[in-house]
Amino acid sequence: MTLRFLRSTLAAAAATAALLLVTAGPARAHGAVDITVHSDGTGSLWATVRWVDGHPVSEKLTALVTATGPAGRVGPAPMRAVAGQPGVISYGDQLTAGTWQVAVDVATPAIGRCEATIPVGGGAPPAEIRCPADQPSPPAAAPPASNGGPTGAVIAAIAAAALAVAGAVLWWRRRSR
C-alpha cells in the first residue's frame, strides 16, 4: 500500500463520516410527529403537526389529505403550509355537509398519520382530533417493513472502523521506517 492510497482512503472515510453526521438532520433529533386534525364544522379542514417532544415542526411539511363522505371521495390532495404558523397545514378546499372519514398523511420531515371522523354542516361543532405518534389512529396503516438495508448507525460504525484501520496502518507504516 502506498501512502497516497492510505491518505485517499482516510479522506474518503472522513468525508463519509461527516456526510452521515450532517444528514442526520433535525428530524432525527426530534423523532416522530403528533398530528391533530381540526375542523371548524363548516367544511374547513387543517392540521397541526408537532414533534413528540412538543415543539412545532418548523421544517417544510409534505402532507396529503384523503376524505370520504356523502359527496364521494376527496383526494389524495396536498395540504399547504399556513403562513406564519409553523407546523400548521390546511386543505385548500371545503368539505360539503355530512360526516367525513378523513386521513391526513405526513411524509416529511417525519412520517405520521391521523384518521378522524369529521362532521360538517347542520350546526356541527368545531372538531379537534389528536393522533399521538405512539398511539396510531385506528385503523392505522402498518409501518413499512424494513428493507433489510443498513441503518445510519451501522454505516457510521463501518465508516469509523475504516477510519481507525486507515489511521492504524498509516501509523504503523510511519513507525516502521
N, C-alpha and C. Protein backbone atom coordinates (compact mmCIF):
# COMPACT_ATOMS: atom_id res chain seq x y z
N MET A 1 0.84 -1.19 0.00
CA MET A 1 0.00 0.00 0.00
C MET A 1 0.87 1.24 0.00
N THR A 2 0.47 2.21 -0.79
CA THR A 2 1.23 3.44 -0.83
C THR A 2 0.64 4.45 0.13
N LEU A 3 1.45 5.40 0.48
CA LEU A 3 1.00 6.45 1.38
C LEU A 3 -0.12 7.26 0.73
N ARG A 4 -0.03 7.47 -0.58
CA ARG A 4 -1.07 8.20 -1.31
C ARG A 4 -2.41 7.47 -1.20
N PHE A 5 -2.40 6.13 -1.36
CA PHE A 5 -3.62 5.33 -1.25
C PHE A 5 -4.21 5.45 0.16
N LEU A 6 -3.35 5.38 1.17
CA LEU A 6 -3.84 5.47 2.55
C LEU A 6 -4.45 6.83 2.83
N ARG A 7 -3.81 7.88 2.34
CA ARG A 7 -4.36 9.23 2.54
C ARG A 7 -5.71 9.36 1.84
N SER A 8 -5.83 8.84 0.64
CA SER A 8 -7.10 8.89 -0.09
C SER A 8 -8.19 8.12 0.64
N THR A 9 -7.82 6.94 1.15
CA THR A 9 -8.79 6.13 1.90
C THR A 9 -9.23 6.85 3.16
N LEU A 10 -8.26 7.43 3.86
CA LEU A 10 -8.56 8.17 5.08
C LEU A 10 -9.47 9.37 4.79
N ALA A 11 -9.19 10.09 3.70
CA ALA A 11 -10.02 11.23 3.33
C ALA A 11 -11.44 10.80 2.97
N ALA A 12 -11.56 9.68 2.24
CA ALA A 12 -12.89 9.18 1.87
C ALA A 12 -13.67 8.75 3.11
N ALA A 13 -13.00 8.08 4.06
CA ALA A 13 -13.68 7.65 5.28
C ALA A 13 -14.13 8.86 6.10
N ALA A 14 -13.27 9.88 6.19
CA ALA A 14 -13.64 11.09 6.93
C ALA A 14 -14.81 11.80 6.27
N ALA A 15 -14.80 11.88 4.94
CA ALA A 15 -15.91 12.52 4.22
C ALA A 15 -17.22 11.75 4.42
N THR A 16 -17.14 10.42 4.41
CA THR A 16 -18.34 9.60 4.63
C THR A 16 -18.89 9.83 6.03
N ALA A 17 -18.02 9.83 7.03
CA ALA A 17 -18.47 10.05 8.41
C ALA A 17 -19.09 11.43 8.56
N ALA A 18 -18.47 12.45 7.96
CA ALA A 18 -19.02 13.80 8.03
C ALA A 18 -20.38 13.89 7.35
N LEU A 19 -20.52 13.24 6.19
CA LEU A 19 -21.80 13.24 5.48
C LEU A 19 -22.90 12.59 6.32
N LEU A 20 -22.57 11.50 6.98
CA LEU A 20 -23.57 10.82 7.82
C LEU A 20 -24.00 11.69 8.99
N LEU A 21 -23.07 12.41 9.57
CA LEU A 21 -23.41 13.29 10.69
C LEU A 21 -24.26 14.47 10.24
N VAL A 22 -23.93 15.03 9.07
CA VAL A 22 -24.68 16.17 8.56
C VAL A 22 -26.09 15.78 8.15
N THR A 23 -26.27 14.59 7.55
CA THR A 23 -27.59 14.20 7.07
C THR A 23 -28.50 13.68 8.17
N ALA A 24 -28.01 13.55 9.40
CA ALA A 24 -28.87 13.11 10.50
C ALA A 24 -30.03 14.09 10.66
N GLY A 25 -29.74 15.39 10.56
CA GLY A 25 -30.76 16.42 10.49
C GLY A 25 -31.66 16.55 11.71
N PRO A 26 -32.50 17.59 11.70
CA PRO A 26 -33.38 17.87 12.82
C PRO A 26 -34.46 16.82 13.05
N ALA A 27 -34.91 16.15 12.01
CA ALA A 27 -35.97 15.16 12.19
C ALA A 27 -35.52 14.04 13.12
N ARG A 28 -34.26 13.61 13.00
CA ARG A 28 -33.78 12.56 13.87
C ARG A 28 -33.61 13.06 15.30
N ALA A 29 -33.36 14.37 15.45
CA ALA A 29 -33.20 14.93 16.78
C ALA A 29 -34.53 14.90 17.53
N HIS A 30 -35.63 15.09 16.83
CA HIS A 30 -36.94 15.14 17.46
C HIS A 30 -37.66 13.80 17.46
N GLY A 31 -37.50 13.01 16.45
CA GLY A 31 -38.19 11.72 16.38
C GLY A 31 -39.45 11.80 15.54
N ALA A 32 -40.53 11.29 16.08
CA ALA A 32 -41.80 11.19 15.35
C ALA A 32 -42.65 12.46 15.54
N VAL A 33 -43.78 12.50 14.80
CA VAL A 33 -44.68 13.64 14.90
C VAL A 33 -46.06 13.24 15.41
N ASP A 34 -46.67 14.15 16.17
CA ASP A 34 -48.07 14.04 16.58
C ASP A 34 -48.87 14.92 15.61
N ILE A 35 -50.01 14.42 15.18
CA ILE A 35 -50.86 15.18 14.25
C ILE A 35 -52.20 15.41 14.91
N THR A 36 -52.69 16.63 14.81
CA THR A 36 -54.03 16.96 15.28
C THR A 36 -54.82 17.50 14.09
N VAL A 37 -55.95 16.86 13.79
CA VAL A 37 -56.82 17.29 12.69
C VAL A 37 -57.89 18.21 13.29
N HIS A 38 -58.10 19.35 12.61
CA HIS A 38 -59.08 20.35 13.07
C HIS A 38 -60.11 20.61 11.98
N SER A 39 -61.33 20.91 12.41
CA SER A 39 -62.38 21.35 11.51
C SER A 39 -63.19 22.42 12.22
N ASP A 40 -63.65 23.39 11.45
CA ASP A 40 -64.48 24.44 12.05
C ASP A 40 -65.97 24.08 12.04
N GLY A 41 -66.31 22.90 11.50
CA GLY A 41 -67.70 22.47 11.45
C GLY A 41 -68.42 22.92 10.20
N THR A 42 -67.81 23.84 9.44
CA THR A 42 -68.46 24.33 8.23
C THR A 42 -67.78 23.85 6.95
N GLY A 43 -66.73 23.01 7.08
CA GLY A 43 -66.07 22.45 5.91
C GLY A 43 -64.59 22.75 5.80
N SER A 44 -64.09 23.69 6.60
CA SER A 44 -62.65 23.97 6.59
C SER A 44 -61.92 22.87 7.35
N LEU A 45 -60.77 22.49 6.84
CA LEU A 45 -60.01 21.40 7.44
C LEU A 45 -58.54 21.79 7.48
N TRP A 46 -57.91 21.61 8.63
CA TRP A 46 -56.48 21.88 8.77
C TRP A 46 -55.90 20.93 9.80
N ALA A 47 -54.58 20.90 9.87
CA ALA A 47 -53.90 20.01 10.82
C ALA A 47 -52.73 20.74 11.45
N THR A 48 -52.47 20.38 12.70
CA THR A 48 -51.32 20.88 13.42
C THR A 48 -50.36 19.71 13.59
N VAL A 49 -49.11 19.91 13.20
CA VAL A 49 -48.11 18.85 13.29
C VAL A 49 -47.02 19.31 14.25
N ARG A 50 -46.81 18.51 15.30
CA ARG A 50 -45.81 18.82 16.32
C ARG A 50 -44.91 17.61 16.52
N TRP A 51 -43.66 17.88 16.89
CA TRP A 51 -42.77 16.79 17.26
C TRP A 51 -43.27 16.18 18.55
N VAL A 52 -42.98 14.93 18.80
CA VAL A 52 -43.47 14.27 20.02
C VAL A 52 -42.96 14.96 21.27
N ASP A 53 -41.86 15.72 21.17
CA ASP A 53 -41.37 16.45 22.34
C ASP A 53 -42.11 17.77 22.55
N GLY A 54 -43.13 18.04 21.71
CA GLY A 54 -43.96 19.22 21.89
C GLY A 54 -43.59 20.42 21.03
N HIS A 55 -42.43 20.42 20.41
CA HIS A 55 -42.03 21.55 19.57
C HIS A 55 -42.80 21.52 18.25
N PRO A 56 -43.19 22.70 17.75
CA PRO A 56 -43.85 22.73 16.44
C PRO A 56 -42.85 22.34 15.35
N VAL A 57 -43.32 21.72 14.31
CA VAL A 57 -42.47 21.36 13.18
C VAL A 57 -42.22 22.63 12.37
N SER A 58 -40.99 23.08 12.32
CA SER A 58 -40.66 24.30 11.57
C SER A 58 -40.10 23.97 10.20
N GLU A 59 -39.77 22.69 9.96
CA GLU A 59 -39.28 22.28 8.65
C GLU A 59 -40.45 22.22 7.67
N LYS A 60 -40.10 22.17 6.37
CA LYS A 60 -41.13 22.08 5.33
C LYS A 60 -41.89 20.76 5.50
N LEU A 61 -43.20 20.85 5.53
CA LEU A 61 -44.07 19.67 5.66
C LEU A 61 -44.58 19.23 4.30
N THR A 62 -44.59 17.92 4.11
CA THR A 62 -45.23 17.35 2.93
C THR A 62 -46.34 16.46 3.45
N ALA A 63 -47.59 16.79 3.10
CA ALA A 63 -48.73 16.05 3.63
C ALA A 63 -49.85 15.99 2.61
N LEU A 64 -50.63 14.92 2.72
CA LEU A 64 -51.81 14.71 1.87
C LEU A 64 -53.01 14.47 2.75
N VAL A 65 -54.18 14.85 2.25
CA VAL A 65 -55.43 14.54 2.92
C VAL A 65 -56.30 13.73 1.97
N THR A 66 -56.96 12.73 2.53
CA THR A 66 -57.94 11.95 1.80
C THR A 66 -59.20 11.94 2.65
N ALA A 67 -60.35 12.17 2.05
CA ALA A 67 -61.60 12.20 2.80
C ALA A 67 -62.68 11.48 2.00
N THR A 68 -63.50 10.73 2.72
CA THR A 68 -64.63 10.04 2.10
C THR A 68 -65.90 10.45 2.84
N GLY A 69 -66.87 10.90 2.10
CA GLY A 69 -68.11 11.36 2.72
C GLY A 69 -69.27 11.24 1.76
N PRO A 70 -70.38 11.94 2.06
CA PRO A 70 -71.59 11.83 1.25
C PRO A 70 -71.40 12.27 -0.21
N ALA A 71 -70.44 13.15 -0.45
CA ALA A 71 -70.21 13.63 -1.81
C ALA A 71 -69.19 12.77 -2.56
N GLY A 72 -68.75 11.69 -1.93
CA GLY A 72 -67.76 10.82 -2.56
C GLY A 72 -66.40 10.95 -1.90
N ARG A 73 -65.38 10.72 -2.72
CA ARG A 73 -64.01 10.75 -2.21
C ARG A 73 -63.31 12.03 -2.65
N VAL A 74 -62.55 12.60 -1.73
CA VAL A 74 -61.73 13.77 -2.00
C VAL A 74 -60.28 13.36 -1.81
N GLY A 75 -59.46 13.68 -2.79
CA GLY A 75 -58.03 13.42 -2.63
C GLY A 75 -57.61 12.04 -3.10
N PRO A 76 -56.37 11.72 -2.87
CA PRO A 76 -55.45 12.46 -2.02
C PRO A 76 -55.14 13.85 -2.60
N ALA A 77 -55.19 14.83 -1.73
CA ALA A 77 -54.94 16.22 -2.11
C ALA A 77 -53.86 16.79 -1.20
N PRO A 78 -53.01 17.66 -1.73
CA PRO A 78 -51.95 18.23 -0.90
C PRO A 78 -52.51 19.18 0.15
N MET A 79 -51.84 19.19 1.29
CA MET A 79 -52.14 20.19 2.31
C MET A 79 -51.02 21.21 2.26
N ARG A 80 -51.36 22.47 2.38
CA ARG A 80 -50.39 23.56 2.23
C ARG A 80 -50.08 24.20 3.57
N ALA A 81 -48.85 24.70 3.71
CA ALA A 81 -48.43 25.38 4.93
C ALA A 81 -49.25 26.67 5.10
N VAL A 82 -49.59 26.98 6.35
CA VAL A 82 -50.28 28.22 6.67
C VAL A 82 -49.20 29.24 7.04
N ALA A 83 -49.13 30.34 6.31
CA ALA A 83 -48.10 31.35 6.52
C ALA A 83 -48.09 31.87 7.95
N GLY A 84 -46.91 31.93 8.53
CA GLY A 84 -46.75 32.48 9.87
C GLY A 84 -47.13 31.54 11.00
N GLN A 85 -47.53 30.32 10.67
CA GLN A 85 -47.92 29.35 11.70
C GLN A 85 -47.13 28.06 11.51
N PRO A 86 -45.96 27.93 12.14
CA PRO A 86 -45.15 26.72 11.96
C PRO A 86 -45.93 25.47 12.36
N GLY A 87 -45.84 24.45 11.51
CA GLY A 87 -46.48 23.18 11.81
C GLY A 87 -47.97 23.13 11.49
N VAL A 88 -48.52 24.17 10.89
CA VAL A 88 -49.95 24.18 10.56
C VAL A 88 -50.09 24.08 9.03
N ILE A 89 -50.89 23.10 8.61
CA ILE A 89 -51.14 22.87 7.19
C ILE A 89 -52.65 22.83 6.97
N SER A 90 -53.10 23.25 5.79
CA SER A 90 -54.54 23.27 5.56
C SER A 90 -54.90 22.70 4.20
N TYR A 91 -56.14 22.19 4.13
CA TYR A 91 -56.73 21.71 2.89
C TYR A 91 -57.30 22.93 2.20
N GLY A 92 -56.99 23.12 0.93
CA GLY A 92 -57.35 24.34 0.22
C GLY A 92 -58.79 24.46 -0.23
N ASP A 93 -59.61 23.43 0.00
CA ASP A 93 -61.00 23.46 -0.44
C ASP A 93 -61.90 23.26 0.77
N GLN A 94 -63.17 23.18 0.57
CA GLN A 94 -64.15 22.96 1.65
C GLN A 94 -64.78 21.57 1.49
N LEU A 95 -65.02 20.91 2.60
CA LEU A 95 -65.80 19.67 2.58
C LEU A 95 -67.28 20.05 2.59
N THR A 96 -68.10 19.28 1.90
CA THR A 96 -69.54 19.55 1.89
C THR A 96 -70.19 18.98 3.14
N ALA A 97 -71.45 19.30 3.36
CA ALA A 97 -72.17 18.86 4.55
C ALA A 97 -72.24 17.34 4.62
N GLY A 98 -72.15 16.82 5.84
CA GLY A 98 -72.21 15.39 6.07
C GLY A 98 -71.10 14.93 7.00
N THR A 99 -71.01 13.64 7.18
CA THR A 99 -69.97 13.07 8.03
C THR A 99 -68.86 12.52 7.14
N TRP A 100 -67.63 12.94 7.40
CA TRP A 100 -66.47 12.60 6.60
C TRP A 100 -65.47 11.76 7.38
N GLN A 101 -64.95 10.74 6.71
CA GLN A 101 -63.82 9.97 7.24
C GLN A 101 -62.57 10.58 6.61
N VAL A 102 -61.75 11.20 7.44
CA VAL A 102 -60.61 11.97 6.96
C VAL A 102 -59.31 11.28 7.40
N ALA A 103 -58.33 11.24 6.50
CA ALA A 103 -56.99 10.74 6.83
C ALA A 103 -55.97 11.78 6.38
N VAL A 104 -55.11 12.19 7.30
CA VAL A 104 -54.01 13.10 6.98
C VAL A 104 -52.73 12.30 7.10
N ASP A 105 -51.97 12.26 6.01
CA ASP A 105 -50.69 11.54 5.98
C ASP A 105 -49.56 12.53 5.80
N VAL A 106 -48.63 12.54 6.76
CA VAL A 106 -47.45 13.40 6.69
C VAL A 106 -46.29 12.52 6.24
N ALA A 107 -45.57 12.99 5.21
CA ALA A 107 -44.45 12.22 4.68
C ALA A 107 -43.09 12.79 5.11
N THR A 108 -42.98 14.10 5.19
CA THR A 108 -41.72 14.71 5.64
C THR A 108 -42.03 15.90 6.53
N PRO A 109 -41.21 16.20 7.49
CA PRO A 109 -39.88 15.68 7.79
C PRO A 109 -39.89 14.36 8.58
N ALA A 110 -41.04 13.90 8.97
CA ALA A 110 -41.18 12.59 9.62
C ALA A 110 -42.51 12.01 9.17
N ILE A 111 -42.66 10.71 9.31
CA ILE A 111 -43.87 10.04 8.84
C ILE A 111 -44.90 10.00 9.97
N GLY A 112 -46.13 10.35 9.63
CA GLY A 112 -47.21 10.30 10.60
C GLY A 112 -48.55 10.18 9.89
N ARG A 113 -49.55 9.70 10.62
CA ARG A 113 -50.90 9.53 10.05
C ARG A 113 -51.92 9.81 11.14
N CYS A 114 -53.00 10.45 10.74
CA CYS A 114 -54.11 10.68 11.66
C CYS A 114 -55.41 10.45 10.89
N GLU A 115 -56.28 9.61 11.45
CA GLU A 115 -57.59 9.36 10.87
C GLU A 115 -58.64 9.88 11.83
N ALA A 116 -59.66 10.52 11.27
CA ALA A 116 -60.68 11.13 12.12
C ALA A 116 -62.02 11.13 11.41
N THR A 117 -63.10 11.15 12.20
CA THR A 117 -64.45 11.33 11.69
C THR A 117 -64.82 12.77 11.94
N ILE A 118 -65.13 13.50 10.86
CA ILE A 118 -65.39 14.94 10.95
C ILE A 118 -66.81 15.24 10.48
N PRO A 119 -67.66 15.77 11.39
CA PRO A 119 -68.99 16.22 10.95
C PRO A 119 -68.90 17.63 10.37
N VAL A 120 -69.65 17.85 9.27
CA VAL A 120 -69.63 19.16 8.61
C VAL A 120 -71.07 19.60 8.37
N GLY A 121 -71.34 20.88 8.65
CA GLY A 121 -72.65 21.47 8.38
C GLY A 121 -73.70 21.07 9.40
N GLY A 122 -74.90 21.62 9.23
CA GLY A 122 -76.02 21.31 10.12
C GLY A 122 -75.73 21.66 11.57
N GLY A 123 -74.96 22.73 11.80
CA GLY A 123 -74.64 23.13 13.16
C GLY A 123 -73.56 22.29 13.82
N ALA A 124 -72.78 21.60 13.03
CA ALA A 124 -71.70 20.76 13.59
C ALA A 124 -70.71 21.64 14.34
N PRO A 125 -70.31 21.20 15.51
CA PRO A 125 -69.35 21.98 16.29
C PRO A 125 -67.94 21.81 15.71
N PRO A 126 -67.05 22.72 16.03
CA PRO A 126 -65.66 22.54 15.62
C PRO A 126 -65.12 21.22 16.19
N ALA A 127 -64.22 20.59 15.45
CA ALA A 127 -63.66 19.31 15.90
C ALA A 127 -62.15 19.41 15.97
N GLU A 128 -61.59 18.66 16.92
CA GLU A 128 -60.14 18.58 17.09
C GLU A 128 -59.82 17.15 17.51
N ILE A 129 -59.16 16.41 16.63
CA ILE A 129 -58.83 15.01 16.90
C ILE A 129 -57.32 14.88 16.89
N ARG A 130 -56.76 14.47 18.03
CA ARG A 130 -55.31 14.34 18.18
C ARG A 130 -54.91 12.88 18.00
N CYS A 131 -53.86 12.67 17.21
CA CYS A 131 -53.30 11.33 16.99
C CYS A 131 -51.83 11.33 17.41
N PRO A 132 -51.57 10.93 18.65
CA PRO A 132 -50.17 10.88 19.09
C PRO A 132 -49.39 9.85 18.29
N ALA A 133 -48.12 10.12 18.08
CA ALA A 133 -47.28 9.23 17.27
C ALA A 133 -47.17 7.84 17.88
N ASP A 134 -47.17 7.74 19.20
CA ASP A 134 -47.01 6.43 19.84
C ASP A 134 -48.31 5.65 19.94
N GLN A 135 -49.43 6.26 19.55
CA GLN A 135 -50.73 5.58 19.56
C GLN A 135 -51.39 5.79 18.21
N PRO A 136 -51.11 4.91 17.24
CA PRO A 136 -51.67 5.11 15.91
C PRO A 136 -53.20 5.14 15.93
N SER A 137 -53.75 5.95 15.05
CA SER A 137 -55.20 6.06 14.98
C SER A 137 -55.77 4.82 14.31
N PRO A 138 -56.85 4.27 14.84
CA PRO A 138 -57.42 3.07 14.22
C PRO A 138 -58.17 3.45 12.96
N PRO A 139 -58.21 2.70 11.93
CA PRO A 139 -57.29 1.60 11.66
C PRO A 139 -56.06 2.11 10.94
N ALA A 140 -55.03 2.43 11.66
CA ALA A 140 -53.81 2.98 11.08
C ALA A 140 -53.10 1.94 10.23
N ALA A 141 -52.44 2.42 9.23
CA ALA A 141 -51.68 1.51 8.35
C ALA A 141 -50.48 0.95 9.11
N ALA A 142 -50.14 -0.29 8.81
CA ALA A 142 -48.97 -0.90 9.44
C ALA A 142 -47.72 -0.17 9.00
N PRO A 143 -46.72 -0.05 9.89
CA PRO A 143 -45.49 0.63 9.50
C PRO A 143 -44.81 -0.15 8.37
N PRO A 144 -44.12 0.56 7.48
CA PRO A 144 -43.47 -0.12 6.38
C PRO A 144 -42.40 -1.08 6.88
N ALA A 145 -42.30 -2.22 6.22
CA ALA A 145 -41.30 -3.22 6.61
C ALA A 145 -39.92 -2.71 6.24
N SER A 146 -38.96 -3.08 7.04
CA SER A 146 -37.58 -2.71 6.77
C SER A 146 -37.13 -3.42 5.51
N ASN A 147 -36.33 -2.72 4.72
CA ASN A 147 -35.83 -3.35 3.51
C ASN A 147 -34.58 -4.17 3.77
N GLY A 148 -34.19 -4.25 5.04
CA GLY A 148 -33.02 -5.03 5.41
C GLY A 148 -31.72 -4.30 5.17
N GLY A 149 -31.79 -3.08 4.68
CA GLY A 149 -30.57 -2.31 4.42
C GLY A 149 -29.96 -1.80 5.71
N PRO A 150 -28.73 -1.32 5.63
CA PRO A 150 -28.06 -0.84 6.83
C PRO A 150 -28.68 0.46 7.33
N THR A 151 -28.69 0.63 8.63
CA THR A 151 -29.18 1.87 9.22
C THR A 151 -28.06 2.88 9.26
N GLY A 152 -28.38 4.11 9.59
CA GLY A 152 -27.37 5.15 9.69
C GLY A 152 -26.31 4.81 10.73
N ALA A 153 -26.73 4.20 11.85
CA ALA A 153 -25.77 3.85 12.90
C ALA A 153 -24.79 2.78 12.41
N VAL A 154 -25.29 1.82 11.64
CA VAL A 154 -24.41 0.77 11.10
C VAL A 154 -23.41 1.38 10.13
N ILE A 155 -23.88 2.24 9.26
CA ILE A 155 -22.99 2.88 8.29
C ILE A 155 -21.96 3.74 9.01
N ALA A 156 -22.38 4.48 10.04
CA ALA A 156 -21.44 5.30 10.80
C ALA A 156 -20.39 4.43 11.49
N ALA A 157 -20.80 3.29 12.02
CA ALA A 157 -19.85 2.39 12.68
C ALA A 157 -18.84 1.84 11.68
N ILE A 158 -19.30 1.49 10.50
CA ILE A 158 -18.40 0.99 9.46
C ILE A 158 -17.41 2.08 9.04
N ALA A 159 -17.91 3.30 8.87
CA ALA A 159 -17.04 4.40 8.49
C ALA A 159 -16.00 4.68 9.57
N ALA A 160 -16.43 4.64 10.84
CA ALA A 160 -15.49 4.86 11.95
C ALA A 160 -14.44 3.75 12.00
N ALA A 161 -14.86 2.51 11.76
CA ALA A 161 -13.90 1.40 11.75
C ALA A 161 -12.91 1.56 10.61
N ALA A 162 -13.38 1.94 9.43
CA ALA A 162 -12.48 2.15 8.29
C ALA A 162 -11.50 3.28 8.59
N LEU A 163 -11.97 4.31 9.22
CA LEU A 163 -11.12 5.43 9.60
C LEU A 163 -10.05 4.98 10.59
N ALA A 164 -10.44 4.17 11.57
CA ALA A 164 -9.49 3.67 12.56
C ALA A 164 -8.45 2.75 11.92
N VAL A 165 -8.88 1.88 11.03
CA VAL A 165 -7.94 0.97 10.36
C VAL A 165 -6.96 1.76 9.50
N ALA A 166 -7.48 2.72 8.73
CA ALA A 166 -6.60 3.53 7.89
C ALA A 166 -5.59 4.30 8.73
N GLY A 167 -6.02 4.85 9.85
CA GLY A 167 -5.11 5.56 10.75
C GLY A 167 -4.06 4.63 11.35
N ALA A 168 -4.47 3.43 11.74
CA ALA A 168 -3.53 2.48 12.32
C ALA A 168 -2.49 2.04 11.29
N VAL A 169 -2.90 1.78 10.06
CA VAL A 169 -1.96 1.39 9.02
C VAL A 169 -0.99 2.52 8.73
N LEU A 170 -1.49 3.73 8.65
CA LEU A 170 -0.63 4.88 8.42
C LEU A 170 0.38 5.02 9.55
N TRP A 171 -0.04 4.91 10.78
CA TRP A 171 0.85 5.00 11.94
C TRP A 171 1.89 3.89 11.90
N TRP A 172 1.47 2.66 11.57
CA TRP A 172 2.38 1.53 11.54
C TRP A 172 3.44 1.72 10.46
N ARG A 173 3.03 2.23 9.28
CA ARG A 173 3.99 2.43 8.19
C ARG A 173 5.01 3.51 8.52
N ARG A 174 4.57 4.58 9.16
CA ARG A 174 5.50 5.66 9.54
C ARG A 174 6.45 5.16 10.63
N ARG A 175 5.97 4.37 11.54
CA ARG A 175 6.79 3.86 12.66
C ARG A 175 7.84 2.88 12.16
N SER A 176 7.50 2.08 11.15
CA SER A 176 8.42 1.06 10.66
C SER A 176 9.53 1.62 9.76
N ARG A 177 9.49 2.88 9.42
CA ARG A 177 10.51 3.49 8.56
C ARG A 177 11.74 3.82 9.32
